[in-house]
Amino acid sequence: MPAVYRWSSHPCLQLLLLPRPPTIWTMMSTPETAPDSSDLQDQVEQVIEKMRPAIQSDGGDVEVVSVSSDGQVLVRFHGACVGCPSSTMTLKGGIERNLKTYVAGFKAVIAVDMDGNPVQE
């Protein structure tokens, strides 16, 4: 299934919007059972990997710091994303949106700094 791109006037917002999940993604965690944190970690990593080329094309990168069993994902921006005023849009409009769509059990994404403290939006 080909990737679908959404282009914005700002280069940092050229976010990869992933296609609807294939059947295997839907089957990775069933709604009847709460996925454990390792399943969530794997699913989150898969989604981030598919988005990474769009983020790296603008000189930035994103790292998954941790995924809790309650669905909270901590990420850290690198490169051009650090201090970029559009990083909040990347976080909410791109990363959070795709994680909500493709990862069962996902609740929230939070950007953290190098010390693990939440980044002020």
PDB file of N, CA and C in Angstrom:
ATOM      1  N   MET A   1       0.849  -1.171   0.000  1.00  0.00           N
ATOM      2  CA  MET A   1       0.000   0.000   0.000  1.00  0.00           C
ATOM      3  C   MET A   1       0.900   1.243   0.000  1.00  0.00           C
ATOM      4  N   PRO A   2       0.747   2.149  -0.942  1.00  0.00           N
ATOM      5  CA  PRO A   2       1.632   3.311  -1.017  1.00  0.00           C
ATOM      6  C   PRO A   2       1.372   4.300   0.111  1.00  0.00           C
ATOM      7  N   ALA A   3       2.428   5.005   0.495  1.00  0.00           N
ATOM      8  CA  ALA A   3       2.298   6.041   1.523  1.00  0.00           C
ATOM      9  C   ALA A   3       1.599   7.260   0.939  1.00  0.00           C
ATOM     10  N   VAL A   4       0.874   7.950   1.782  1.00  0.00           N
ATOM     11  CA  VAL A   4       0.177   9.156   1.369  1.00  0.00           C
ATOM     12  C   VAL A   4       0.846  10.321   2.082  1.00  0.00           C
ATOM     13  N   TYR A   5       1.197  11.362   1.351  1.00  0.00           N
ATOM     14  CA  TYR A   5       1.880  12.497   1.947  1.00  0.00           C
ATOM     15  C   TYR A   5       0.952  13.705   2.017  1.00  0.00           C
ATOM     16  N   ARG A   6       1.090  14.458   3.059  1.00  0.00           N
ATOM     17  CA  ARG A   6       0.358  15.704   3.210  1.00  0.00           C
ATOM     18  C   ARG A   6       1.405  16.801   3.263  1.00  0.00           C
ATOM     19  N   TRP A   7       1.301  17.761   2.357  1.00  0.00           N
ATOM     20  CA  TRP A   7       2.306  18.812   2.291  1.00  0.00           C
ATOM     21  C   TRP A   7       1.753  20.096   2.873  1.00  0.00           C
ATOM     22  N   SER A   8       2.579  20.827   3.567  1.00  0.00           N
ATOM     23  CA  SER A   8       2.212  22.083   4.189  1.00  0.00           C
ATOM     24  C   SER A   8       3.139  23.164   3.658  1.00  0.00           C
ATOM     25  N   SER A   9       2.788  24.410   3.905  1.00  0.00           N
ATOM     26  CA  SER A   9       3.643  25.507   3.463  1.00  0.00           C
ATOM     27  C   SER A   9       4.946  25.554   4.250  1.00  0.00           C
ATOM     28  N   HIS A  10       4.967  25.052   5.463  1.00  0.00           N
ATOM     29  CA  HIS A  10       6.178  25.045   6.281  1.00  0.00           C
ATOM     30  C   HIS A  10       6.872  23.695   6.106  1.00  0.00           C
ATOM     31  N   PRO A  11       8.172  23.675   5.779  1.00  0.00           N
ATOM     32  CA  PRO A  11       8.861  22.412   5.504  1.00  0.00           C
ATOM     33  C   PRO A  11       8.829  21.437   6.669  1.00  0.00           C
ATOM     34  N   CYS A  12       8.812  21.913   7.906  1.00  0.00           N
ATOM     35  CA  CYS A  12       8.780  21.003   9.053  1.00  0.00           C
ATOM     36  C   CYS A  12       7.442  20.296   9.178  1.00  0.00           C
ATOM     37  N   LEU A  13       6.429  20.795   8.507  1.00  0.00           N
ATOM     38  CA  LEU A  13       5.109  20.194   8.618  1.00  0.00           C
ATOM     39  C   LEU A  13       4.787  19.268   7.461  1.00  0.00           C
ATOM     40  N   GLN A  14       5.798  18.900   6.687  1.00  0.00           N
ATOM     41  CA  GLN A  14       5.585  17.963   5.593  1.00  0.00           C
ATOM     42  C   GLN A  14       5.546  16.565   6.199  1.00  0.00           C
ATOM     43  N   LEU A  15       4.435  16.268   6.834  1.00  0.00           N
ATOM     44  CA  LEU A  15       4.316  15.047   7.622  1.00  0.00           C
ATOM     45  C   LEU A  15       3.813  13.884   6.798  1.00  0.00           C
ATOM     46  N   LEU A  16       4.362  12.747   7.101  1.00  0.00           N
ATOM     47  CA  LEU A  16       3.923  11.521   6.468  1.00  0.00           C
ATOM     48  C   LEU A  16       2.636  11.079   7.138  1.00  0.00           C
ATOM     49  N   LEU A  17       1.576  10.987   6.376  1.00  0.00           N
ATOM     50  CA  LEU A  17       0.341  10.413   6.881  1.00  0.00           C
ATOM     51  C   LEU A  17       0.268   8.992   6.359  1.00  0.00           C
ATOM     52  N   LEU A  18       0.253   8.062   7.249  1.00  0.00           N
ATOM     53  CA  LEU A  18       0.289   6.668   6.879  1.00  0.00           C
ATOM     54  C   LEU A  18      -1.075   6.214   6.367  1.00  0.00           C
ATOM     55  N   PRO A  19      -1.096   5.222   5.476  1.00  0.00           N
ATOM     56  CA  PRO A  19      -2.370   4.708   4.991  1.00  0.00           C
ATOM     57  C   PRO A  19      -3.112   3.979   6.108  1.00  0.00           C
ATOM     58  N   ARG A  20      -4.378   3.669   5.880  1.00  0.00           N
ATOM     59  CA  ARG A  20      -5.150   2.910   6.860  1.00  0.00           C
ATOM     60  C   ARG A  20      -4.391   1.634   7.189  1.00  0.00           C
ATOM     61  N   PRO A  21      -4.472   1.170   8.437  1.00  0.00           N
ATOM     62  CA  PRO A  21      -3.674   0.010   8.828  1.00  0.00           C
ATOM     63  C   PRO A  21      -4.074  -1.251   8.080  1.00  0.00           C
ATOM     64  N   PRO A  22      -3.068  -2.014   7.624  1.00  0.00           N
ATOM     65  CA  PRO A  22      -3.372  -3.304   7.022  1.00  0.00           C
ATOM     66  C   PRO A  22      -3.971  -4.236   8.069  1.00  0.00           C
ATOM     67  N   THR A  23      -4.557  -5.304   7.627  1.00  0.00           N
ATOM     68  CA  THR A  23      -5.224  -6.241   8.524  1.00  0.00           C
ATOM     69  C   THR A  23      -4.299  -6.733   9.625  1.00  0.00           C
ATOM     70  N   ILE A  24      -3.042  -6.995   9.303  1.00  0.00           N
ATOM     71  CA  ILE A  24      -2.118  -7.514  10.317  1.00  0.00           C
ATOM     72  C   ILE A  24      -1.910  -6.508  11.451  1.00  0.00           C
ATOM     73  N   TRP A  25      -1.902  -5.191  11.152  1.00  0.00           N
ATOM     74  CA  TRP A  25      -1.748  -4.186  12.207  1.00  0.00           C
ATOM     75  C   TRP A  25      -2.961  -4.213  13.112  1.00  0.00           C
ATOM     76  N   THR A  26      -4.131  -4.381  12.532  1.00  0.00           N
ATOM     77  CA  THR A  26      -5.352  -4.413  13.319  1.00  0.00           C
ATOM     78  C   THR A  26      -5.340  -5.626  14.243  1.00  0.00           C
ATOM     79  N   MET A  27      -4.762  -6.726  13.758  1.00  0.00           N
ATOM     80  CA  MET A  27      -4.753  -7.950  14.543  1.00  0.00           C
ATOM     81  C   MET A  27      -3.658  -7.963  15.604  1.00  0.00           C
ATOM     82  N   MET A  28      -2.736  -7.015  15.583  1.00  0.00           N
ATOM     83  CA  MET A  28      -1.603  -7.035  16.510  1.00  0.00           C
ATOM     84  C   MET A  28      -2.052  -6.935  17.969  1.00  0.00           C
ATOM     85  N   SER A  29      -3.122  -6.204  18.239  1.00  0.00           N
ATOM     86  CA  SER A  29      -3.654  -6.162  19.589  1.00  0.00           C
ATOM     87  C   SER A  29      -5.163  -6.047  19.483  1.00  0.00           C
ATOM     88  N   THR A  30      -5.829  -6.927  20.157  1.00  0.00           N
ATOM     89  CA  THR A  30      -7.278  -6.936  20.077  1.00  0.00           C
ATOM     90  C   THR A  30      -7.853  -6.046  21.163  1.00  0.00           C
ATOM     91  N   PRO A  31      -9.007  -5.411  20.921  1.00  0.00           N
ATOM     92  CA  PRO A  31      -9.585  -4.520  21.911  1.00  0.00           C
ATOM     93  C   PRO A  31     -10.026  -5.237  23.176  1.00  0.00           C
ATOM     94  N   GLU A  32     -10.247  -6.563  23.103  1.00  0.00           N
ATOM     95  CA  GLU A  32     -10.713  -7.297  24.284  1.00  0.00           C
ATOM     96  C   GLU A  32      -9.643  -7.384  25.368  1.00  0.00           C
ATOM     97  N   THR A  33      -8.381  -7.356  24.970  1.00  0.00           N
ATOM     98  CA  THR A  33      -7.300  -7.468  25.939  1.00  0.00           C
ATOM     99  C   THR A  33      -6.430  -6.229  25.864  1.00  0.00           C
ATOM    100  N   ALA A  34      -6.012  -5.761  27.006  1.00  0.00           N
ATOM    101  CA  ALA A  34      -5.122  -4.601  27.039  1.00  0.00           C
ATOM    102  C   ALA A  34      -3.732  -5.050  26.603  1.00  0.00           C
ATOM    103  N   PRO A  35      -3.141  -4.397  25.596  1.00  0.00           N
ATOM    104  CA  PRO A  35      -1.803  -4.803  25.157  1.00  0.00           C
ATOM    105  C   PRO A  35      -0.773  -4.496  26.230  1.00  0.00           C
ATOM    106  N   ASP A  36       0.240  -5.366  26.350  1.00  0.00           N
ATOM    107  CA  ASP A  36       1.287  -5.069  27.318  1.00  0.00           C
ATOM    108  C   ASP A  36       2.247  -4.038  26.729  1.00  0.00           C
ATOM    109  N   SER A  37       3.119  -3.504  27.563  1.00  0.00           N
ATOM    110  CA  SER A  37       3.966  -2.394  27.131  1.00  0.00           C
ATOM    111  C   SER A  37       4.945  -2.789  26.025  1.00  0.00           C
ATOM    112  N   SER A  38       5.372  -4.066  25.962  1.00  0.00           N
ATOM    113  CA  SER A  38       6.292  -4.462  24.896  1.00  0.00           C
ATOM    114  C   SER A  38       5.576  -4.472  23.546  1.00  0.00           C
ATOM    115  N   ASP A  39       4.302  -4.905  23.512  1.00  0.00           N
ATOM    116  CA  ASP A  39       3.517  -4.836  22.282  1.00  0.00           C
ATOM    117  C   ASP A  39       3.338  -3.383  21.860  1.00  0.00           C
ATOM    118  N   LEU A  40       3.002  -2.528  22.819  1.00  0.00           N
ATOM    119  CA  LEU A  40       2.848  -1.102  22.522  1.00  0.00           C
ATOM    120  C   LEU A  40       4.148  -0.522  22.000  1.00  0.00           C
ATOM    121  N   GLN A  41       5.260  -0.866  22.632  1.00  0.00           N
ATOM    122  CA  GLN A  41       6.573  -0.366  22.220  1.00  0.00           C
ATOM    123  C   GLN A  41       6.847  -0.739  20.768  1.00  0.00           C
ATOM    124  N   ASP A  42       6.599  -1.986  20.410  1.00  0.00           N
ATOM    125  CA  ASP A  42       6.839  -2.440  19.040  1.00  0.00           C
ATOM    126  C   ASP A  42       5.961  -1.687  18.049  1.00  0.00           C
ATOM    127  N   GLN A  43       4.692  -1.528  18.372  1.00  0.00           N
ATOM    128  CA  GLN A  43       3.769  -0.838  17.478  1.00  0.00           C
ATOM    129  C   GLN A  43       4.137   0.631  17.318  1.00  0.00           C
ATOM    130  N   VAL A  44       4.492   1.280  18.423  1.00  0.00           N
ATOM    131  CA  VAL A  44       4.900   2.685  18.378  1.00  0.00           C
ATOM    132  C   VAL A  44       6.153   2.834  17.520  1.00  0.00           C
ATOM    133  N   GLU A  45       7.127   1.956  17.713  1.00  0.00           N
ATOM    134  CA  GLU A  45       8.369   2.005  16.931  1.00  0.00           C
ATOM    135  C   GLU A  45       8.090   1.846  15.440  1.00  0.00           C
ATOM    136  N   GLN A  46       7.158   0.959  15.079  1.00  0.00           N
ATOM    137  CA  GLN A  46       6.820   0.763  13.673  1.00  0.00           C
ATOM    138  C   GLN A  46       6.243   2.035  13.058  1.00  0.00           C
ATOM    139  N   VAL A  47       5.345   2.688  13.777  1.00  0.00           N
ATOM    140  CA  VAL A  47       4.735   3.916  13.264  1.00  0.00           C
ATOM    141  C   VAL A  47       5.782   5.024  13.140  1.00  0.00           C
ATOM    142  N   ILE A  48       6.617   5.187  14.163  1.00  0.00           N
ATOM    143  CA  ILE A  48       7.659   6.222  14.144  1.00  0.00           C
ATOM    144  C   ILE A  48       8.627   5.967  12.993  1.00  0.00           C
ATOM    145  N   GLU A  49       8.998   4.716  12.764  1.00  0.00           N
ATOM    146  CA  GLU A  49       9.918   4.389  11.665  1.00  0.00           C
ATOM    147  C   GLU A  49       9.346   4.795  10.314  1.00  0.00           C
ATOM    148  N   LYS A  50       8.054   4.659  10.135  1.00  0.00           N
ATOM    149  CA  LYS A  50       7.428   5.051   8.870  1.00  0.00           C
ATOM    150  C   LYS A  50       7.363   6.572   8.714  1.00  0.00           C
ATOM    151  N   MET A  51       7.338   7.296   9.824  1.00  0.00           N
ATOM    152  CA  MET A  51       7.298   8.758   9.784  1.00  0.00           C
ATOM    153  C   MET A  51       8.691   9.372   9.712  1.00  0.00           C
ATOM    154  N   ARG A  52       9.684   8.654  10.187  1.00  0.00           N
ATOM    155  CA  ARG A  52      11.047   9.185  10.330  1.00  0.00           C
ATOM    156  C   ARG A  52      11.610   9.827   9.057  1.00  0.00           C
ATOM    157  N   PRO A  53      11.460   9.247   7.870  1.00  0.00           N
ATOM    158  CA  PRO A  53      12.039   9.883   6.683  1.00  0.00           C
ATOM    159  C   PRO A  53      11.514  11.299   6.437  1.00  0.00           C
ATOM    160  N   ALA A  54      10.242  11.547   6.682  1.00  0.00           N
ATOM    161  CA  ALA A  54       9.685  12.885   6.490  1.00  0.00           C
ATOM    162  C   ALA A  54      10.279  13.871   7.491  1.00  0.00           C
ATOM    163  N   ILE A  55      10.490  13.422   8.716  1.00  0.00           N
ATOM    164  CA  ILE A  55      11.069  14.292   9.751  1.00  0.00           C
ATOM    165  C   ILE A  55      12.546  14.536   9.454  1.00  0.00           C
ATOM    166  N   GLN A  56      13.257  13.493   9.050  1.00  0.00           N
ATOM    167  CA  GLN A  56      14.687  13.626   8.753  1.00  0.00           C
ATOM    168  C   GLN A  56      14.947  14.470   7.509  1.00  0.00           C
ATOM    169  N   SER A  57      13.991  14.520   6.601  1.00  0.00           N
ATOM    170  CA  SER A  57      14.195  15.313   5.388  1.00  0.00           C
ATOM    171  C   SER A  57      14.343  16.797   5.689  1.00  0.00           C
ATOM    172  N   ASP A  58      13.901  17.229   6.865  1.00  0.00           N
ATOM    173  CA  ASP A  58      14.052  18.621   7.281  1.00  0.00           C
ATOM    174  C   ASP A  58      15.174  18.806   8.291  1.00  0.00           C
ATOM    175  N   GLY A  59      16.005  17.781   8.465  1.00  0.00           N
ATOM    176  CA  GLY A  59      17.158  17.898   9.359  1.00  0.00           C
ATOM    177  C   GLY A  59      16.865  17.555  10.805  1.00  0.00           C
ATOM    178  N   GLY A  60      15.711  16.986  11.088  1.00  0.00           N
ATOM    179  CA  GLY A  60      15.358  16.608  12.451  1.00  0.00           C
ATOM    180  C   GLY A  60      15.302  15.107  12.608  1.00  0.00           C
ATOM    181  N   ASP A  61      14.933  14.695  13.792  1.00  0.00           N
ATOM    182  CA  ASP A  61      14.717  13.278  14.064  1.00  0.00           C
ATOM    183  C   ASP A  61      13.898  13.169  15.341  1.00  0.00           C
ATOM    184  N   VAL A  62      13.354  11.991  15.567  1.00  0.00           N
ATOM    185  CA  VAL A  62      12.560  11.737  16.771  1.00  0.00           C
ATOM    186  C   VAL A  62      12.977  10.387  17.336  1.00  0.00           C
ATOM    187  N   GLU A  63      13.079  10.327  18.646  1.00  0.00           N
ATOM    188  CA  GLU A  63      13.490   9.121  19.356  1.00  0.00           C
ATOM    189  C   GLU A  63      12.374   8.742  20.323  1.00  0.00           C
ATOM    190  N   VAL A  64      12.018   7.464  20.355  1.00  0.00           N
ATOM    191  CA  VAL A  64      11.057   6.979  21.343  1.00  0.00           C
ATOM    192  C   VAL A  64      11.835   6.713  22.622  1.00  0.00           C
ATOM    193  N   VAL A  65      11.523   7.481  23.665  1.00  0.00           N
ATOM    194  CA  VAL A  65      12.221   7.343  24.939  1.00  0.00           C
ATOM    195  C   VAL A  65      11.628   6.199  25.737  1.00  0.00           C
ATOM    196  N   SER A  66      10.299   6.181  25.869  1.00  0.00           N
ATOM    197  CA  SER A  66       9.638   5.093  26.599  1.00  0.00           C
ATOM    198  C   SER A  66       8.174   5.017  26.213  1.00  0.00           C
ATOM    199  N   VAL A  67       7.626   3.840  26.446  1.00  0.00           N
ATOM    200  CA  VAL A  67       6.200   3.594  26.244  1.00  0.00           C
ATOM    201  C   VAL A  67       5.712   2.886  27.499  1.00  0.00           C
ATOM    202  N   SER A  68       4.772   3.502  28.200  1.00  0.00           N
ATOM    203  CA  SER A  68       4.256   2.896  29.433  1.00  0.00           C
ATOM    204  C   SER A  68       3.110   1.946  29.115  1.00  0.00           C
ATOM    205  N   SER A  69       2.815   1.071  30.052  1.00  0.00           N
ATOM    206  CA  SER A  69       1.743   0.099  29.858  1.00  0.00           C
ATOM    207  C   SER A  69       0.375   0.767  29.780  1.00  0.00           C
ATOM    208  N   ASP A  70       0.266   2.008  30.285  1.00  0.00           N
ATOM    209  CA  ASP A  70      -1.019   2.717  30.197  1.00  0.00           C
ATOM    210  C   ASP A  70      -1.157   3.522  28.897  1.00  0.00           C
ATOM    211  N   GLY A  71      -0.198   3.374  27.976  1.00  0.00           N
ATOM    212  CA  GLY A  71      -0.321   3.991  26.660  1.00  0.00           C
ATOM    213  C   GLY A  71       0.294   5.365  26.513  1.00  0.00           C
ATOM    214  N   GLN A  72       1.080   5.792  27.478  1.00  0.00           N
ATOM    215  CA  GLN A  72       1.748   7.092  27.396  1.00  0.00           C
ATOM    216  C   GLN A  72       3.111   6.916  26.719  1.00  0.00           C
ATOM    217  N   VAL A  73       3.359   7.719  25.668  1.00  0.00           N
ATOM    218  CA  VAL A  73       4.586   7.618  24.887  1.00  0.00           C
ATOM    219  C   VAL A  73       5.413   8.876  25.095  1.00  0.00           C
ATOM    220  N   LEU A  74       6.671   8.701  25.487  1.00  0.00           N
ATOM    221  CA  LEU A  74       7.597   9.821  25.625  1.00  0.00           C
ATOM    222  C   LEU A  74       8.537   9.805  24.437  1.00  0.00           C
ATOM    223  N   VAL A  75       8.667  10.952  23.757  1.00  0.00           N
ATOM    224  CA  VAL A  75       9.569  11.072  22.616  1.00  0.00           C
ATOM    225  C   VAL A  75      10.523  12.235  22.847  1.00  0.00           C
ATOM    226  N   ARG A  76      11.658  12.177  22.167  1.00  0.00           N
ATOM    227  CA  ARG A  76      12.651  13.251  22.243  1.00  0.00           C
ATOM    228  C   ARG A  76      12.995  13.664  20.818  1.00  0.00           C
ATOM    229  N   PHE A  77      12.925  14.968  20.560  1.00  0.00           N
ATOM    230  CA  PHE A  77      13.296  15.505  19.262  1.00  0.00           C
ATOM    231  C   PHE A  77      14.789  15.753  19.209  1.00  0.00           C
ATOM    232  N   HIS A  78      15.357  15.621  18.010  1.00  0.00           N
ATOM    233  CA  HIS A  78      16.781  15.872  17.780  1.00  0.00           C
ATOM    234  C   HIS A  78      16.944  16.770  16.559  1.00  0.00           C
ATOM    235  N   GLY A  79      18.137  17.320  16.413  1.00  0.00           N
ATOM    236  CA  GLY A  79      18.476  18.107  15.229  1.00  0.00           C
ATOM    237  C   GLY A  79      17.639  19.362  15.095  1.00  0.00           C
ATOM    238  N   ALA A  80      17.162  19.623  13.883  1.00  0.00           N
ATOM    239  CA  ALA A  80      16.421  20.845  13.590  1.00  0.00           C
ATOM    240  C   ALA A  80      15.106  20.936  14.356  1.00  0.00           C
ATOM    241  N   CYS A  81      14.595  19.810  14.860  1.00  0.00           N
ATOM    242  CA  CYS A  81      13.327  19.828  15.597  1.00  0.00           C
ATOM    243  C   CYS A  81      13.472  20.476  16.977  1.00  0.00           C
ATOM    244  N   VAL A  82      14.672  20.449  17.540  1.00  0.00           N
ATOM    245  CA  VAL A  82      14.893  21.021  18.862  1.00  0.00           C
ATOM    246  C   VAL A  82      14.753  22.538  18.766  1.00  0.00           C
ATOM    247  N   GLY A  83      13.800  23.074  19.482  1.00  0.00           N
ATOM    248  CA  GLY A  83      13.580  24.516  19.492  1.00  0.00           C
ATOM    249  C   GLY A  83      12.776  25.036  18.312  1.00  0.00           C
ATOM    250  N   CYS A  84      12.409  24.176  17.378  1.00  0.00           N
ATOM    251  CA  CYS A  84      11.619  24.616  16.225  1.00  0.00           C
ATOM    252  C   CYS A  84      10.197  24.924  16.671  1.00  0.00           C
ATOM    253  N   PRO A  85       9.663  26.084  16.290  1.00  0.00           N
ATOM    254  CA  PRO A  85       8.299  26.420  16.696  1.00  0.00           C
ATOM    255  C   PRO A  85       7.248  25.473  16.115  1.00  0.00           C
ATOM    256  N   SER A  86       7.589  24.759  15.066  1.00  0.00           N
ATOM    257  CA  SER A  86       6.632  23.828  14.460  1.00  0.00           C
ATOM    258  C   SER A  86       6.698  22.427  15.061  1.00  0.00           C
ATOM    259  N   SER A  87       7.596  22.209  16.019  1.00  0.00           N
ATOM    260  CA  SER A  87       7.718  20.867  16.592  1.00  0.00           C
ATOM    261  C   SER A  87       6.445  20.444  17.327  1.00  0.00           C
ATOM    262  N   THR A  88       5.704  21.392  17.870  1.00  0.00           N
ATOM    263  CA  THR A  88       4.435  21.060  18.516  1.00  0.00           C
ATOM    264  C   THR A  88       3.441  20.530  17.492  1.00  0.00           C
ATOM    265  N   MET A  89       3.434  21.138  16.294  1.00  0.00           N
ATOM    266  CA  MET A  89       2.559  20.648  15.238  1.00  0.00           C
ATOM    267  C   MET A  89       3.008  19.258  14.773  1.00  0.00           C
ATOM    268  N   THR A  90       4.300  19.040  14.701  1.00  0.00           N
ATOM    269  CA  THR A  90       4.812  17.725  14.332  1.00  0.00           C
ATOM    270  C   THR A  90       4.375  16.694  15.373  1.00  0.00           C
ATOM    271  N   LEU A  91       4.478  17.075  16.651  1.00  0.00           N
ATOM    272  CA  LEU A  91       4.125  16.170  17.739  1.00  0.00           C
ATOM    273  C   LEU A  91       2.632  15.844  17.729  1.00  0.00           C
ATOM    274  N   LYS A  92       1.802  16.870  17.698  1.00  0.00           N
ATOM    275  CA  LYS A  92       0.352  16.672  17.806  1.00  0.00           C
ATOM    276  C   LYS A  92      -0.297  16.304  16.472  1.00  0.00           C
ATOM    277  N   GLY A  93       0.056  17.029  15.414  1.00  0.00           N
ATOM    278  CA  GLY A  93      -0.596  16.819  14.131  1.00  0.00           C
ATOM    279  C   GLY A  93      -0.088  15.626  13.366  1.00  0.00           C
ATOM    280  N   GLY A  94       1.117  15.195  13.652  1.00  0.00           N
ATOM    281  CA  GLY A  94       1.693  14.077  12.916  1.00  0.00           C
ATOM    282  C   GLY A  94       1.848  12.844  13.775  1.00  0.00           C
ATOM    283  N   ILE A  95       2.691  12.923  14.782  1.00  0.00           N
ATOM    284  CA  ILE A  95       3.004  11.750  15.601  1.00  0.00           C
ATOM    285  C   ILE A  95       1.776  11.274  16.375  1.00  0.00           C
ATOM    286  N   GLU A  96       1.152  12.183  17.117  1.00  0.00           N
ATOM    287  CA  GLU A  96       0.000  11.781  17.931  1.00  0.00           C
ATOM    288  C   GLU A  96      -1.150  11.269  17.058  1.00  0.00           C
ATOM    289  N   ARG A  97      -1.395  11.954  15.974  1.00  0.00           N
ATOM    290  CA  ARG A  97      -2.483  11.553  15.077  1.00  0.00           C
ATOM    291  C   ARG A  97      -2.266  10.147  14.525  1.00  0.00           C
ATOM    292  N   ASN A  98      -1.054   9.850  14.072  1.00  0.00           N
ATOM    293  CA  ASN A  98      -0.765   8.527  13.541  1.00  0.00           C
ATOM    294  C   ASN A  98      -0.780   7.455  14.626  1.00  0.00           C
ATOM    295  N   LEU A  99      -0.270   7.767  15.815  1.00  0.00           N
ATOM    296  CA  LEU A  99      -0.297   6.781  16.894  1.00  0.00           C
ATOM    297  C   LEU A  99      -1.735   6.465  17.311  1.00  0.00           C
ATOM    298  N   LYS A 100      -2.595   7.478  17.363  1.00  0.00           N
ATOM    299  CA  LYS A 100      -4.005   7.246  17.694  1.00  0.00           C
ATOM    300  C   LYS A 100      -4.661   6.340  16.656  1.00  0.00           C
ATOM    301  N   THR A 101      -4.281   6.518  15.401  1.00  0.00           N
ATOM    302  CA  THR A 101      -4.881   5.742  14.321  1.00  0.00           C
ATOM    303  C   THR A 101      -4.389   4.299  14.294  1.00  0.00           C
ATOM    304  N   TYR A 102      -3.113   4.066  14.562  1.00  0.00           N
ATOM    305  CA  TYR A 102      -2.509   2.766  14.313  1.00  0.00           C
ATOM    306  C   TYR A 102      -2.122   1.953  15.534  1.00  0.00           C
ATOM    307  N   VAL A 103      -2.173   2.532  16.722  1.00  0.00           N
ATOM    308  CA  VAL A 103      -1.720   1.797  17.908  1.00  0.00           C
ATOM    309  C   VAL A 103      -2.869   1.689  18.907  1.00  0.00           C
ATOM    310  N   ALA A 104      -3.410   0.479  19.020  1.00  0.00           N
ATOM    311  CA  ALA A 104      -4.462   0.236  20.004  1.00  0.00           C
ATOM    312  C   ALA A 104      -3.860   0.380  21.399  1.00  0.00           C
ATOM    313  N   GLY A 105      -4.517   1.098  22.266  1.00  0.00           N
ATOM    314  CA  GLY A 105      -4.024   1.300  23.623  1.00  0.00           C
ATOM    315  C   GLY A 105      -3.230   2.573  23.798  1.00  0.00           C
ATOM    316  N   PHE A 106      -2.961   3.293  22.707  1.00  0.00           N
ATOM    317  CA  PHE A 106      -2.233   4.568  22.803  1.00  0.00           C
ATOM    318  C   PHE A 106      -3.129   5.611  23.462  1.00  0.00           C
ATOM    319  N   LYS A 107      -2.541   6.398  24.383  1.00  0.00           N
ATOM    320  CA  LYS A 107      -3.293   7.444  25.076  1.00  0.00           C
ATOM    321  C   LYS A 107      -2.748   8.844  24.808  1.00  0.00           C
ATOM    322  N   ALA A 108      -1.429   9.035  24.950  1.00  0.00           N
ATOM    323  CA  ALA A 108      -0.866  10.383  24.822  1.00  0.00           C
ATOM    324  C   ALA A 108       0.601  10.309  24.429  1.00  0.00           C
ATOM    325  N   VAL A 109       1.059  11.366  23.750  1.00  0.00           N
ATOM    326  CA  VAL A 109       2.475  11.494  23.420  1.00  0.00           C
ATOM    327  C   VAL A 109       2.981  12.779  24.050  1.00  0.00           C
ATOM    328  N   ILE A 110       4.152  12.685  24.668  1.00  0.00           N
ATOM    329  CA  ILE A 110       4.751  13.829  25.369  1.00  0.00           C
ATOM    330  C   ILE A 110       6.193  13.957  24.923  1.00  0.00           C
ATOM    331  N   ALA A 111       6.582  15.166  24.507  1.00  0.00           N
ATOM    332  CA  ALA A 111       7.979  15.429  24.152  1.00  0.00           C
ATOM    333  C   ALA A 111       8.755  15.737  25.424  1.00  0.00           C
ATOM    334  N   VAL A 112       9.954  15.156  25.531  1.00  0.00           N
ATOM    335  CA  VAL A 112      10.803  15.397  26.692  1.00  0.00           C
ATOM    336  C   VAL A 112      12.166  15.902  26.234  1.00  0.00           C
ATOM    337  N   ASP A 113      12.861  16.598  27.154  1.00  0.00           N
ATOM    338  CA  ASP A 113      14.205  17.085  26.839  1.00  0.00           C
ATOM    339  C   ASP A 113      15.235  16.002  27.167  1.00  0.00           C
ATOM    340  N   MET A 114      16.507  16.346  27.086  1.00  0.00           N
ATOM    341  CA  MET A 114      17.581  15.370  27.305  1.00  0.00           C
ATOM    342  C   MET A 114      17.591  14.810  28.731  1.00  0.00           C
ATOM    343  N   ASP A 115      17.007  15.573  29.691  1.00  0.00           N
ATOM    344  CA  ASP A 115      16.943  15.112  31.081  1.00  0.00           C
ATOM    345  C   ASP A 115      15.673  14.327  31.370  1.00  0.00           C
ATOM    346  N   GLY A 116      14.792  14.192  30.378  1.00  0.00           N
ATOM    347  CA  GLY A 116      13.544  13.466  30.577  1.00  0.00           C
ATOM    348  C   GLY A 116      12.409  14.322  31.095  1.00  0.00           C
ATOM    349  N   ASN A 117      12.638  15.645  31.161  1.00  0.00           N
ATOM    350  CA  ASN A 117      11.585  16.562  31.619  1.00  0.00           C
ATOM    351  C   ASN A 117      10.697  16.954  30.442  1.00  0.00           C
ATOM    352  N   PRO A 118       9.382  17.062  30.667  1.00  0.00           N
ATOM    353  CA  PRO A 118       8.491  17.472  29.560  1.00  0.00           C
ATOM    354  C   PRO A 118       8.891  18.825  28.999  1.00  0.00           C
ATOM    355  N   VAL A 119       8.847  18.926  27.676  1.00  0.00           N
ATOM    356  CA  VAL A 119       9.169  20.172  26.979  1.00  0.00           C
ATOM    357  C   VAL A 119       7.942  21.066  27.054  1.00  0.00           C
ATOM    358  N   GLN A 120       8.158  22.315  27.390  1.00  0.00           N
ATOM    359  CA  GLN A 120       7.048  23.270  27.459  1.00  0.00           C
ATOM    360  C   GLN A 120       6.589  23.622  26.064  1.00  0.00           C
ATOM    361  N   GLU A 121       5.285  23.568  25.831  1.00  0.00           N
ATOM    362  CA  GLU A 121       4.735  23.885  24.517  1.00  0.00           C
ATOM    363  C   GLU A 121       4.437  25.351  24.402  1.00  0.00           C
TER     364      GLU A 121
END
